[in-house]
């Protein structure tokens, strides 16, 4: 295989995850739309408190992505050997972490969680 074909990559993911792949892709799309909606509402400014909590959730999302990958493949953590295995594992962690951070920021922004205004007004 001399070139990277995105359709082959999609076929491999479909084989590994089955219907879960399409659910994850739909969730990623909704998270992106929600993130953009929060960003537009906040006039393009990221809120620090909300972002810190979203990043903490992203750390858990990265761990969950690695564990999900471990659950759907036949190989275990003891099978990690070469450098490419570590690169792929790091990429899975980063993708899960980034996606969860975006989704958490959108959820926190749309529900009003971790927003100082709401806490002071409700006190």
Protein backbone atom coordinates (compact mmCIF):
# COMPACT_ATOMS: atom_id res chain seq x y z
CA UNK A 1 0.00 0.00 0.00
CA UNK A 2 1.84 3.04 -1.26
CA UNK A 3 -0.76 5.70 -0.58
CA UNK A 4 -3.21 6.45 2.18
CA UNK A 5 -6.79 6.05 1.04
CA UNK A 6 -9.39 7.59 3.39
CA UNK A 7 -12.03 5.09 2.25
CA UNK A 8 -9.87 2.19 3.40
CA UNK A 9 -9.42 3.93 6.75
CA UNK A 10 -13.21 4.34 7.02
CA UNK A 11 -13.75 0.68 6.13
CA UNK A 12 -11.33 -0.44 8.84
CA UNK A 13 -13.05 1.76 11.42
CA UNK A 14 -16.45 0.43 10.32
CA UNK A 15 -15.18 -3.12 10.72
CA UNK A 16 -13.80 -2.40 14.20
CA UNK A 17 -16.62 -0.32 15.67
CA UNK A 18 -19.66 -1.41 13.66
CA UNK A 19 -22.72 0.79 14.23
CA UNK A 20 -20.94 2.57 17.10
CA UNK A 21 -18.82 4.40 14.50
CA UNK A 22 -21.83 6.22 13.07
CA UNK A 23 -23.07 7.13 16.53
CA UNK A 24 -19.67 8.55 17.44
CA UNK A 25 -19.52 10.52 14.19
CA UNK A 26 -23.01 11.92 14.79
CA UNK A 27 -22.04 12.85 18.35
CA UNK A 28 -18.91 14.58 17.04
CA UNK A 29 -21.00 16.55 14.56
CA UNK A 30 -23.45 17.62 17.26
CA UNK A 31 -20.58 18.60 19.54
CA UNK A 32 -19.03 20.75 16.80
CA UNK A 33 -22.34 22.47 16.09
CA UNK A 34 -22.90 23.06 19.81
CA UNK A 35 -19.38 24.41 20.24
CA UNK A 36 -19.85 26.83 17.36
CA UNK A 37 -23.22 27.93 18.79
CA UNK A 38 -21.63 28.67 22.17
CA UNK A 39 -18.75 30.48 20.49
CA UNK A 40 -21.13 32.65 18.46
CA UNK A 41 -23.25 33.39 21.52
CA UNK A 42 -20.16 34.37 23.53
CA UNK A 43 -18.96 36.60 20.64
CA UNK A 44 -15.97 34.42 19.83
CA UNK A 45 -14.49 34.44 23.33
CA UNK A 46 -13.61 31.29 25.23
CA UNK A 47 -14.53 31.32 28.92
CA UNK A 48 -11.58 30.24 31.05
CA UNK A 49 -13.52 28.44 33.79
CA UNK A 50 -15.63 26.53 31.29
CA UNK A 51 -12.54 25.63 29.25
CA UNK A 52 -10.64 24.29 32.26
CA UNK A 53 -13.52 22.02 33.24
CA UNK A 54 -13.92 20.91 29.61
CA UNK A 55 -10.21 20.06 29.47
CA UNK A 56 -10.55 17.99 32.64
CA UNK A 57 -13.40 16.12 30.99
CA UNK A 58 -11.20 15.75 27.89
CA UNK A 59 -8.58 13.92 29.91
CA UNK A 60 -11.22 11.37 30.89
CA UNK A 61 -12.39 11.22 27.28
CA UNK A 62 -8.89 10.39 26.10
CA UNK A 63 -8.65 7.56 28.59
CA UNK A 64 -12.10 6.33 27.54
CA UNK A 65 -11.03 6.36 23.87
CA UNK A 66 -7.99 4.20 24.62
CA UNK A 67 -10.11 1.79 26.68
CA UNK A 68 -12.76 1.62 23.94
CA UNK A 69 -10.07 0.81 21.39
CA UNK A 70 -8.73 -1.87 23.71
CA UNK A 71 -12.24 -3.34 24.06
CA UNK A 72 -12.99 -3.52 20.31
CA UNK A 73 -9.65 -4.96 19.18
CA UNK A 74 -8.20 -8.41 19.75
CA UNK A 75 -4.85 -7.09 20.91
CA UNK A 76 -4.03 -6.07 24.46
CA UNK A 77 -1.77 -3.52 26.07
CA UNK A 78 0.99 -6.14 26.29
CA UNK A 79 0.99 -6.29 22.46
CA UNK A 80 2.18 -2.69 22.12
CA UNK A 81 5.64 -3.03 20.70
CA UNK A 82 6.92 -0.79 17.97
CA UNK A 83 6.99 2.99 17.78
CA UNK A 84 3.99 3.11 15.43
CA UNK A 85 1.89 1.38 18.10
CA UNK A 86 2.74 4.15 20.56
CA UNK A 87 2.04 6.82 17.96
CA UNK A 88 -1.36 5.33 17.15
CA UNK A 89 -2.18 4.98 20.85
CA UNK A 90 -1.22 8.62 21.46
CA UNK A 91 -3.31 9.70 18.46
CA UNK A 92 -6.33 7.79 19.80
CA UNK A 93 -5.88 9.42 23.21
CA UNK A 94 -5.54 12.89 21.68
CA UNK A 95 -8.54 12.44 19.38
CA UNK A 96 -10.72 11.23 22.25
CA UNK A 97 -9.49 14.00 24.51
CA UNK A 98 -9.99 16.73 21.91
CA UNK A 99 -13.46 15.51 20.98
CA UNK A 100 -14.55 15.24 24.59
CA UNK A 101 -13.16 18.71 25.36
CA UNK A 102 -15.17 20.24 22.51
CA UNK A 103 -18.31 18.33 23.51
CA UNK A 104 -17.96 19.21 27.20
CA UNK A 105 -17.37 22.90 26.43
CA UNK A 106 -20.51 22.91 24.29
CA UNK A 107 -22.59 21.17 26.96
CA UNK A 108 -21.29 23.45 29.72
CA UNK A 109 -21.94 26.51 27.57
CA UNK A 110 -25.43 25.48 26.51
CA UNK A 111 -26.53 24.44 29.99
CA UNK A 112 -24.92 27.39 31.79
CA UNK A 113 -22.65 25.23 33.94
CA UNK A 114 -19.33 26.66 35.15
CA UNK A 115 -20.47 30.17 34.37
CA UNK A 116 -19.73 32.70 37.09
CA UNK A 117 -22.72 34.90 36.11
CA UNK A 118 -25.22 32.15 36.84
CA UNK A 119 -23.65 31.29 40.15
CA UNK A 120 -23.62 34.89 41.41
CA UNK A 121 -27.15 35.53 40.18
CA UNK A 122 -28.41 32.38 41.87
CA UNK A 123 -26.66 33.07 45.19
